[in-house]
Amino acid sequence: MAPVTLVAENGQTEPENLDHSPLAIRGMTVSYGQKPVVFSVDATIQEGSMTAIIGPNGAGKSTLLKAALGILRPLSGHVSVFGRPLATQRHRIAYVPQRASVDWDFPTTVLDVVLMGLSRELGLVGWIKGHHKSRAIECLTRVGMEDFADRQIGQLSGGQQQRVFLARALAQGADLYLLDEPFAGVDAATEKAIIAVLKTLKEQGKTVVAVHHDLATVADYFDRVFLLNTRKIAEGTVAEAFTAKTLNAAYGGRLATAQIDQLTLTG
């Protein structure tokens, strides 16, 4: 039987991807100069899951996420979102970048930042109506930032800024949420608030993928893990893939045996 084809937004036909996972990456290689940062990586994200991408510093975690989104151009690889080409499915994805990559001096208010999440709905003209503002305030309320709506974004603490960017992602009403180190440099209260929102999204059937650095909280926060150190080390449930063997393979001598034992016993 001839392969089924799909028509992309550019009018060209593309072969159907039979893998309908929220995010499927095949053969992804990304290089900075002559050195591959991500090499021939495959990943299949399960729908309705919370997946942590973990690995040592320099392992390519953020690079993989950015390449999957098309922010970085890979040397090779294919990405599909819910079984369709990335270009046709961007409206189903919300992305929260690393806080360090954002220009916090940009003269805009907290409310304006969240309204940016409605840009597809607002269109080129950008007419903002009362129900748009109400929706933005509702998203700010979900992250505990409704009282800061008129504050300039650069006047907020790091944790508050991260909450606002999560509110912007919520405003998009996406099905797949990709977050690049959402807990880096935030206070304990913010971390607790963010994970509560992410777990609610999971309960609603949404899919969450986060680059994560704190191994001690992996088992509490996530149900699946993707271990990376340039190449894929392991992928699966926390019980299957977050083990002493896979952690040793990913981190080598960077983690003490006692530390690995404690992490896997806790998980």
C-alpha atoms as a PDB file:
ATOM      1  CA  MET A   1       0.000   0.000   0.000  1.00  0.00           C
ATOM      2  CA  ALA A   2       1.299   3.459  -0.856  1.00  0.00           C
ATOM      3  CA  PRO A   3       2.357   5.606   2.118  1.00  0.00           C
ATOM      4  CA  VAL A   4      -0.220   8.058   3.394  1.00  0.00           C
ATOM      5  CA  THR A   5       0.744  11.689   2.874  1.00  0.00           C
ATOM      6  CA  LEU A   6      -0.080  14.830   4.789  1.00  0.00           C
ATOM      7  CA  VAL A   7      -0.274  18.325   3.381  1.00  0.00           C
ATOM      8  CA  ALA A   8       1.862  20.808   5.330  1.00  0.00           C
ATOM      9  CA  GLU A   9       1.144  24.516   5.728  1.00  0.00           C
ATOM     10  CA  ASN A  10       3.490  25.310   2.835  1.00  0.00           C
ATOM     11  CA  GLY A  11       1.385  23.177   0.516  1.00  0.00           C
ATOM     12  CA  GLN A  12       3.988  20.431   0.212  1.00  0.00           C
ATOM     13  CA  THR A  13       3.194  16.862   1.061  1.00  0.00           C
ATOM     14  CA  GLU A  14       5.055  14.982   3.755  1.00  0.00           C
ATOM     15  CA  PRO A  15       4.986  11.256   4.572  1.00  0.00           C
ATOM     16  CA  GLU A  16       2.804  10.399   7.522  1.00  0.00           C
ATOM     17  CA  ASN A  17       4.686   9.865  10.766  1.00  0.00           C
ATOM     18  CA  LEU A  18       3.118   6.820  12.368  1.00  0.00           C
ATOM     19  CA  ASP A  19       4.490   7.799  15.799  1.00  0.00           C
ATOM     20  CA  HIS A  20       1.778  10.032  17.274  1.00  0.00           C
ATOM     21  CA  SER A  21       3.578  10.861  20.503  1.00  0.00           C
ATOM     22  CA  PRO A  22       3.504  14.540  21.577  1.00  0.00           C
ATOM     23  CA  LEU A  23       7.197  14.836  20.705  1.00  0.00           C
ATOM     24  CA  ALA A  24       9.191  12.350  18.675  1.00  0.00           C
ATOM     25  CA  ILE A  25      12.842  13.036  17.841  1.00  0.00           C
ATOM     26  CA  ARG A  26      14.736  10.817  15.442  1.00  0.00           C
ATOM     27  CA  GLY A  27      18.448  10.904  14.627  1.00  0.00           C
ATOM     28  CA  MET A  28      19.059  14.370  16.084  1.00  0.00           C
ATOM     29  CA  THR A  29      22.639  15.606  15.782  1.00  0.00           C
ATOM     30  CA  VAL A  30      23.631  19.169  16.708  1.00  0.00           C
ATOM     31  CA  SER A  31      27.163  20.526  16.522  1.00  0.00           C
ATOM     32  CA  TYR A  32      28.894  23.682  17.695  1.00  0.00           C
ATOM     33  CA  GLY A  33      31.867  23.931  15.406  1.00  0.00           C
ATOM     34  CA  GLN A  34      33.450  20.514  14.865  1.00  0.00           C
ATOM     35  CA  LYS A  35      32.227  18.934  18.082  1.00  0.00           C
ATOM     36  CA  PRO A  36      28.777  17.303  18.278  1.00  0.00           C
ATOM     37  CA  VAL A  37      26.873  18.452  21.364  1.00  0.00           C
ATOM     38  CA  VAL A  38      23.993  16.070  20.651  1.00  0.00           C
ATOM     39  CA  PHE A  39      24.736  12.978  18.589  1.00  0.00           C
ATOM     40  CA  SER A  40      22.181  10.786  16.814  1.00  0.00           C
ATOM     41  CA  VAL A  41      19.564  11.057  19.557  1.00  0.00           C
ATOM     42  CA  ASP A  42      16.134   9.429  19.437  1.00  0.00           C
ATOM     43  CA  ALA A  43      13.433  10.335  21.951  1.00  0.00           C
ATOM     44  CA  THR A  44       9.753   9.474  22.263  1.00  0.00           C
ATOM     45  CA  ILE A  45       7.772  11.508  24.791  1.00  0.00           C
ATOM     46  CA  GLN A  46       4.692   9.798  26.170  1.00  0.00           C
ATOM     47  CA  GLU A  47       1.393  11.660  26.099  1.00  0.00           C
ATOM     48  CA  GLY A  48       0.153  12.888  29.471  1.00  0.00           C
ATOM     49  CA  SER A  49       3.544  12.381  31.115  1.00  0.00           C
ATOM     50  CA  MET A  50       5.974  14.594  32.991  1.00  0.00           C
ATOM     51  CA  THR A  51       9.452  13.887  31.647  1.00  0.00           C
ATOM     52  CA  ALA A  52      12.725  15.209  33.045  1.00  0.00           C
ATOM     53  CA  ILE A  53      15.673  15.588  30.686  1.00  0.00           C
ATOM     54  CA  ILE A  54      18.703  15.047  32.913  1.00  0.00           C
ATOM     55  CA  GLY A  55      22.439  14.726  32.485  1.00  0.00           C
ATOM     56  CA  PRO A  56      25.691  16.425  33.516  1.00  0.00           C
ATOM     57  CA  ASN A  57      26.630  19.984  32.582  1.00  0.00           C
ATOM     58  CA  GLY A  58      27.454  20.182  28.888  1.00  0.00           C
ATOM     59  CA  ALA A  59      25.500  17.036  28.091  1.00  0.00           C
ATOM     60  CA  GLY A  60      23.355  18.810  25.466  1.00  0.00           C
ATOM     61  CA  LYS A  61      20.061  18.956  27.372  1.00  0.00           C
ATOM     62  CA  SER A  62      19.077  22.520  26.473  1.00  0.00           C
ATOM     63  CA  THR A  63      20.532  22.084  22.996  1.00  0.00           C
ATOM     64  CA  LEU A  64      18.295  19.073  22.372  1.00  0.00           C
ATOM     65  CA  LEU A  65      15.225  21.002  23.470  1.00  0.00           C
ATOM     66  CA  LYS A  66      16.070  24.025  21.305  1.00  0.00           C
ATOM     67  CA  ALA A  67      16.797  21.845  18.279  1.00  0.00           C
ATOM     68  CA  ALA A  68      13.494  20.039  18.756  1.00  0.00           C
ATOM     69  CA  LEU A  69      11.761  23.434  18.677  1.00  0.00           C
ATOM     70  CA  GLY A  70      13.672  24.610  15.620  1.00  0.00           C
ATOM     71  CA  ILE A  71      15.460  27.361  17.569  1.00  0.00           C
ATOM     72  CA  LEU A  72      18.757  25.673  16.704  1.00  0.00           C
ATOM     73  CA  ARG A  73      19.356  24.081  13.330  1.00  0.00           C
ATOM     74  CA  PRO A  74      20.525  20.485  13.634  1.00  0.00           C
ATOM     75  CA  LEU A  75      22.988  18.796  11.326  1.00  0.00           C
ATOM     76  CA  SER A  76      20.544  15.937  10.968  1.00  0.00           C
ATOM     77  CA  GLY A  77      17.351  14.641  12.469  1.00  0.00           C
ATOM     78  CA  HIS A  78      13.590  14.751  12.255  1.00  0.00           C
ATOM     79  CA  VAL A  79      11.032  16.047  14.741  1.00  0.00           C
ATOM     80  CA  SER A  80       7.313  15.349  14.792  1.00  0.00           C
ATOM     81  CA  VAL A  81       4.696  16.729  17.171  1.00  0.00           C
ATOM     82  CA  PHE A  82       1.590  14.614  17.684  1.00  0.00           C
ATOM     83  CA  GLY A  83       2.536  12.730  14.527  1.00  0.00           C
ATOM     84  CA  ARG A  84       2.751  15.810  12.320  1.00  0.00           C
ATOM     85  CA  PRO A  85       5.624  18.028  11.157  1.00  0.00           C
ATOM     86  CA  LEU A  86       6.738  20.615  13.703  1.00  0.00           C
ATOM     87  CA  ALA A  87       5.820  23.526  11.402  1.00  0.00           C
ATOM     88  CA  THR A  88       2.152  22.522  11.426  1.00  0.00           C
ATOM     89  CA  GLN A  89       1.914  21.990  15.183  1.00  0.00           C
ATOM     90  CA  ARG A  90       3.569  25.001  16.796  1.00  0.00           C
ATOM     91  CA  HIS A  91       0.224  26.213  18.124  1.00  0.00           C
ATOM     92  CA  ARG A  92       0.128  23.116  20.338  1.00  0.00           C
ATOM     93  CA  ILE A  93       3.500  23.859  21.975  1.00  0.00           C
ATOM     94  CA  ALA A  94       4.348  26.269  24.798  1.00  0.00           C
ATOM     95  CA  TYR A  95       7.993  26.953  25.582  1.00  0.00           C
ATOM     96  CA  VAL A  96       9.520  28.431  28.741  1.00  0.00           C
ATOM     97  CA  PRO A  97      13.161  29.361  28.058  1.00  0.00           C
ATOM     98  CA  GLN A  98      15.968  29.612  30.567  1.00  0.00           C
ATOM     99  CA  ARG A  99      15.538  32.780  32.578  1.00  0.00           C
ATOM    100  CA  ALA A 100      19.136  33.812  31.838  1.00  0.00           C
ATOM    101  CA  SER A 101      18.371  33.990  28.109  1.00  0.00           C
ATOM    102  CA  VAL A 102      15.678  36.692  28.477  1.00  0.00           C
ATOM    103  CA  ASP A 103      16.232  40.469  28.258  1.00  0.00           C
ATOM    104  CA  TRP A 104      14.618  41.535  31.514  1.00  0.00           C
ATOM    105  CA  ASP A 105      15.303  45.218  30.821  1.00  0.00           C
ATOM    106  CA  PHE A 106      12.743  45.256  28.023  1.00  0.00           C
ATOM    107  CA  PRO A 107      10.147  47.916  28.972  1.00  0.00           C
ATOM    108  CA  THR A 108       7.021  45.811  29.355  1.00  0.00           C
ATOM    109  CA  THR A 109       4.640  44.933  32.157  1.00  0.00           C
ATOM    110  CA  VAL A 110       3.858  41.552  33.633  1.00  0.00           C
ATOM    111  CA  LEU A 111       0.390  41.606  32.044  1.00  0.00           C
ATOM    112  CA  ASP A 112       1.867  42.422  28.630  1.00  0.00           C
ATOM    113  CA  VAL A 113       4.237  39.466  28.878  1.00  0.00           C
ATOM    114  CA  VAL A 114       1.366  37.073  29.567  1.00  0.00           C
ATOM    115  CA  LEU A 115      -0.691  38.587  26.733  1.00  0.00           C
ATOM    116  CA  MET A 116       2.180  37.645  24.398  1.00  0.00           C
ATOM    117  CA  GLY A 117       1.017  34.082  24.919  1.00  0.00           C
ATOM    118  CA  LEU A 118      -2.157  35.023  23.051  1.00  0.00           C
ATOM    119  CA  SER A 119      -0.317  36.403  20.000  1.00  0.00           C
ATOM    120  CA  ARG A 120      -1.696  33.739  17.661  1.00  0.00           C
ATOM    121  CA  GLU A 121      -5.230  34.569  18.756  1.00  0.00           C
ATOM    122  CA  LEU A 122      -4.674  38.340  18.671  1.00  0.00           C
ATOM    123  CA  GLY A 123      -3.208  38.285  15.154  1.00  0.00           C
ATOM    124  CA  LEU A 124      -1.126  40.932  13.454  1.00  0.00           C
ATOM    125  CA  VAL A 125      -3.361  43.834  14.509  1.00  0.00           C
ATOM    126  CA  GLY A 126      -3.152  42.806  18.128  1.00  0.00           C
ATOM    127  CA  TRP A 127      -6.466  44.153  19.323  1.00  0.00           C
ATOM    128  CA  ILE A 128      -6.633  43.287  23.014  1.00  0.00           C
ATOM    129  CA  LYS A 129     -10.149  42.898  24.368  1.00  0.00           C
ATOM    130  CA  GLY A 130     -11.485  42.522  27.874  1.00  0.00           C
ATOM    131  CA  HIS A 131     -11.714  38.742  27.693  1.00  0.00           C
ATOM    132  CA  HIS A 132      -8.049  38.559  26.656  1.00  0.00           C
ATOM    133  CA  LYS A 133      -7.017  40.521  29.738  1.00  0.00           C
ATOM    134  CA  SER A 134      -9.284  38.388  31.906  1.00  0.00           C
ATOM    135  CA  ARG A 135      -7.634  35.248  30.592  1.00  0.00           C
ATOM    136  CA  ALA A 136      -4.164  36.676  31.220  1.00  0.00           C
ATOM    137  CA  ILE A 137      -5.095  37.617  34.787  1.00  0.00           C
ATOM    138  CA  GLU A 138      -6.494  34.127  35.321  1.00  0.00           C
ATOM    139  CA  CYS A 139      -3.151  32.646  34.251  1.00  0.00           C
ATOM    140  CA  LEU A 140      -1.291  35.006  36.574  1.00  0.00           C
ATOM    141  CA  THR A 141      -3.597  33.925  39.394  1.00  0.00           C
ATOM    142  CA  ARG A 142      -2.708  30.281  38.743  1.00  0.00           C
ATOM    143  CA  VAL A 143       0.960  31.103  39.438  1.00  0.00           C
ATOM    144  CA  GLY A 144       0.276  33.512  42.300  1.00  0.00           C
ATOM    145  CA  MET A 145       1.262  36.684  40.410  1.00  0.00           C
ATOM    146  CA  GLU A 146      -2.055  38.473  39.847  1.00  0.00           C
ATOM    147  CA  ASP A 147      -1.085  41.352  42.156  1.00  0.00           C
ATOM    148  CA  PHE A 148       1.950  42.146  39.969  1.00  0.00           C
ATOM    149  CA  ALA A 149       0.108  42.616  36.666  1.00  0.00           C
ATOM    150  CA  ASP A 150       1.142  46.268  36.249  1.00  0.00           C
ATOM    151  CA  ARG A 151       4.730  45.804  37.455  1.00  0.00           C
ATOM    152  CA  GLN A 152       7.617  46.171  35.009  1.00  0.00           C
ATOM    153  CA  ILE A 153       9.024  42.707  34.369  1.00  0.00           C
ATOM    154  CA  GLY A 154      12.588  43.742  35.235  1.00  0.00           C
ATOM    155  CA  GLN A 155      11.513  44.810  38.731  1.00  0.00           C
ATOM    156  CA  LEU A 156      10.609  41.267  39.732  1.00  0.00           C
ATOM    157  CA  SER A 157      12.761  38.723  41.507  1.00  0.00           C
ATOM    158  CA  GLY A 158      14.073  35.730  39.588  1.00  0.00           C
ATOM    159  CA  GLY A 159      11.397  33.447  40.977  1.00  0.00           C
ATOM    160  CA  GLN A 160       8.650  35.921  40.137  1.00  0.00           C
ATOM    161  CA  GLN A 161       9.931  36.291  36.585  1.00  0.00           C
ATOM    162  CA  GLN A 162       9.852  32.531  36.147  1.00  0.00           C
ATOM    163  CA  ARG A 163       6.267  32.406  37.361  1.00  0.00           C
ATOM    164  CA  VAL A 164       5.291  35.086  34.833  1.00  0.00           C
ATOM    165  CA  PHE A 165       6.826  33.143  31.967  1.00  0.00           C
ATOM    166  CA  LEU A 166       4.939  30.057  33.090  1.00  0.00           C
ATOM    167  CA  ALA A 167       1.745  32.155  33.091  1.00  0.00           C
ATOM    168  CA  ARG A 168       2.521  33.186  29.512  1.00  0.00           C
ATOM    169  CA  ALA A 169       2.844  29.509  28.572  1.00  0.00           C
ATOM    170  CA  LEU A 170      -0.470  28.738  30.273  1.00  0.00           C
ATOM    171  CA  ALA A 171      -2.161  31.504  28.258  1.00  0.00           C
ATOM    172  CA  GLN A 172      -1.265  29.657  25.077  1.00  0.00           C
ATOM    173  CA  GLY A 173      -3.537  26.769  26.018  1.00  0.00           C
ATOM    174  CA  ALA A 174      -1.001  24.311  24.609  1.00  0.00           C
ATOM    175  CA  ASP A 175      -0.977  20.520  24.706  1.00  0.00           C
ATOM    176  CA  LEU A 176       2.806  20.171  25.022  1.00  0.00           C
ATOM    177  CA  TYR A 177       4.840  22.249  27.497  1.00  0.00           C
ATOM    178  CA  LEU A 178       8.625  22.411  27.098  1.00  0.00           C
ATOM    179  CA  LEU A 179      10.582  24.077  29.902  1.00  0.00           C
ATOM    180  CA  ASP A 180      14.322  24.721  30.038  1.00  0.00           C
ATOM    181  CA  GLU A 181      15.482  24.473  33.672  1.00  0.00           C
ATOM    182  CA  PRO A 182      12.332  26.030  35.171  1.00  0.00           C
ATOM    183  CA  PHE A 183      13.607  25.655  38.754  1.00  0.00           C
ATOM    184  CA  ALA A 184      17.089  27.110  38.239  1.00  0.00           C
ATOM    185  CA  GLY A 185      17.777  30.007  40.589  1.00  0.00           C
ATOM    186  CA  VAL A 186      14.281  30.216  42.078  1.00  0.00           C
ATOM    187  CA  ASP A 187      13.260  30.155  45.720  1.00  0.00           C
ATOM    188  CA  ALA A 188      11.605  27.164  47.386  1.00  0.00           C
ATOM    189  CA  ALA A 189       8.133  28.757  47.327  1.00  0.00           C
ATOM    190  CA  THR A 190       8.366  29.388  43.580  1.00  0.00           C
ATOM    191  CA  GLU A 191       9.598  25.865  42.915  1.00  0.00           C
ATOM    192  CA  LYS A 192       6.655  24.479  44.864  1.00  0.00           C
ATOM    193  CA  ALA A 193       4.207  26.724  42.987  1.00  0.00           C
ATOM    194  CA  ILE A 194       5.630  25.789  39.574  1.00  0.00           C
ATOM    195  CA  ILE A 195       5.575  22.040  40.184  1.00  0.00           C
ATOM    196  CA  ALA A 196       1.983  22.284  41.440  1.00  0.00           C
ATOM    197  CA  VAL A 197       0.934  23.969  38.186  1.00  0.00           C
ATOM    198  CA  LEU A 198       2.824  21.425  36.081  1.00  0.00           C
ATOM    199  CA  LYS A 199       1.226  18.505  37.917  1.00  0.00           C
ATOM    200  CA  THR A 200      -2.197  20.060  37.337  1.00  0.00           C
ATOM    201  CA  LEU A 201      -1.419  20.245  33.617  1.00  0.00           C
ATOM    202  CA  LYS A 202      -0.539  16.542  33.687  1.00  0.00           C
ATOM    203  CA  GLU A 203      -3.829  15.765  35.426  1.00  0.00           C
ATOM    204  CA  GLN A 204      -5.560  17.597  32.574  1.00  0.00           C
ATOM    205  CA  GLY A 205      -3.905  15.281  30.064  1.00  0.00           C
ATOM    206  CA  LYS A 206      -1.220  17.741  28.968  1.00  0.00           C
ATOM    207  CA  THR A 207       2.375  16.668  28.372  1.00  0.00           C
ATOM    208  CA  VAL A 208       5.280  18.297  30.199  1.00  0.00           C
ATOM    209  CA  VAL A 209       8.988  18.038  29.356  1.00  0.00           C
ATOM    210  CA  ALA A 210      11.558  19.885  31.466  1.00  0.00           C
ATOM    211  CA  VAL A 211      15.323  20.128  31.460  1.00  0.00           C
ATOM    212  CA  HIS A 212      16.082  19.457  35.117  1.00  0.00           C
ATOM    213  CA  HIS A 213      19.285  19.599  37.157  1.00  0.00           C
ATOM    214  CA  ASP A 214      18.310  18.575  40.698  1.00  0.00           C
ATOM    215  CA  LEU A 215      18.565  14.798  40.802  1.00  0.00           C
ATOM    216  CA  ALA A 216      17.202  14.690  44.354  1.00  0.00           C
ATOM    217  CA  THR A 217      13.738  15.810  43.203  1.00  0.00           C
ATOM    218  CA  VAL A 218      13.433  13.768  40.004  1.00  0.00           C
ATOM    219  CA  ALA A 219      11.410  10.960  41.559  1.00  0.00           C
ATOM    220  CA  ASP A 220       9.088  13.375  43.376  1.00  0.00           C
ATOM    221  CA  TYR A 221       8.436  15.671  40.418  1.00  0.00           C
ATOM    222  CA  PHE A 222       8.449  13.436  37.346  1.00  0.00           C
ATOM    223  CA  ASP A 223       7.135  10.069  36.211  1.00  0.00           C
ATOM    224  CA  ARG A 224       9.549   9.621  33.289  1.00  0.00           C
ATOM    225  CA  VAL A 225      13.177  10.510  32.622  1.00  0.00           C
ATOM    226  CA  PHE A 226      15.398  10.948  29.584  1.00  0.00           C
ATOM    227  CA  LEU A 227      19.100  10.660  30.445  1.00  0.00           C
ATOM    228  CA  LEU A 228      21.493  12.342  28.055  1.00  0.00           C
ATOM    229  CA  ASN A 229      25.226  12.817  27.773  1.00  0.00           C
ATOM    230  CA  THR A 230      25.681  13.847  24.138  1.00  0.00           C
ATOM    231  CA  ARG A 231      24.109  10.477  23.273  1.00  0.00           C
ATOM    232  CA  LYS A 232      20.946   9.040  24.755  1.00  0.00           C
ATOM    233  CA  ILE A 233      21.739   7.002  27.860  1.00  0.00           C
ATOM    234  CA  ALA A 234      18.278   5.851  28.883  1.00  0.00           C
ATOM    235  CA  GLU A 235      14.595   6.682  28.486  1.00  0.00           C
ATOM    236  CA  GLY A 236      11.604   5.395  30.404  1.00  0.00           C
ATOM    237  CA  THR A 237       9.752   5.541  33.687  1.00  0.00           C
ATOM    238  CA  VAL A 238      11.633   6.687  36.771  1.00  0.00           C
ATOM    239  CA  ALA A 239      11.690   3.092  38.029  1.00  0.00           C
ATOM    240  CA  GLU A 240      13.104   1.806  34.734  1.00  0.00           C
ATOM    241  CA  ALA A 241      15.534   4.520  33.711  1.00  0.00           C
ATOM    242  CA  PHE A 242      16.589   6.362  36.882  1.00  0.00           C
ATOM    243  CA  THR A 243      18.888   3.666  38.217  1.00  0.00           C
ATOM    244  CA  ALA A 244      22.423   3.361  39.523  1.00  0.00           C
ATOM    245  CA  LYS A 245      23.497   1.852  36.199  1.00  0.00           C
ATOM    246  CA  THR A 246      22.074   4.645  34.047  1.00  0.00           C
ATOM    247  CA  LEU A 247      23.266   7.404  36.373  1.00  0.00           C
ATOM    248  CA  ASN A 248      26.777   5.958  36.323  1.00  0.00           C
ATOM    249  CA  ALA A 249      26.629   5.815  32.534  1.00  0.00           C
ATOM    250  CA  ALA A 250      25.434   9.439  32.283  1.00  0.00           C
ATOM    251  CA  TYR A 251      27.563  11.039  34.978  1.00  0.00           C
ATOM    252  CA  GLY A 252      30.567   8.736  35.174  1.00  0.00           C
ATOM    253  CA  GLY A 253      32.749   9.689  38.139  1.00  0.00           C
ATOM    254  CA  ARG A 254      30.964  12.996  38.713  1.00  0.00           C
ATOM    255  CA  LEU A 255      28.593  11.383  41.223  1.00  0.00           C
ATOM    256  CA  ALA A 256      29.813   9.443  44.230  1.00  0.00           C
ATOM    257  CA  THR A 257      28.537   5.877  44.616  1.00  0.00           C
ATOM    258  CA  ALA A 258      26.880   6.773  47.925  1.00  0.00           C
ATOM    259  CA  GLN A 259      25.076   9.690  46.257  1.00  0.00           C
ATOM    260  CA  ILE A 260      23.795   7.472  43.433  1.00  0.00           C
ATOM    261  CA  ASP A 261      22.649   4.836  45.916  1.00  0.00           C
ATOM    262  CA  GLN A 262      20.759   7.450  47.905  1.00  0.00           C
ATOM    263  CA  LEU A 263      19.075   8.867  44.785  1.00  0.00           C
ATOM    264  CA  THR A 264      17.929   5.505  43.477  1.00  0.00           C
ATOM    265  CA  LEU A 265      16.818   4.274  46.882  1.00  0.00           C
ATOM    266  CA  THR A 266      14.745   7.434  47.302  1.00  0.00           C
ATOM    267  CA  GLY A 267      13.255   6.975  43.813  1.00  0.00           C
END
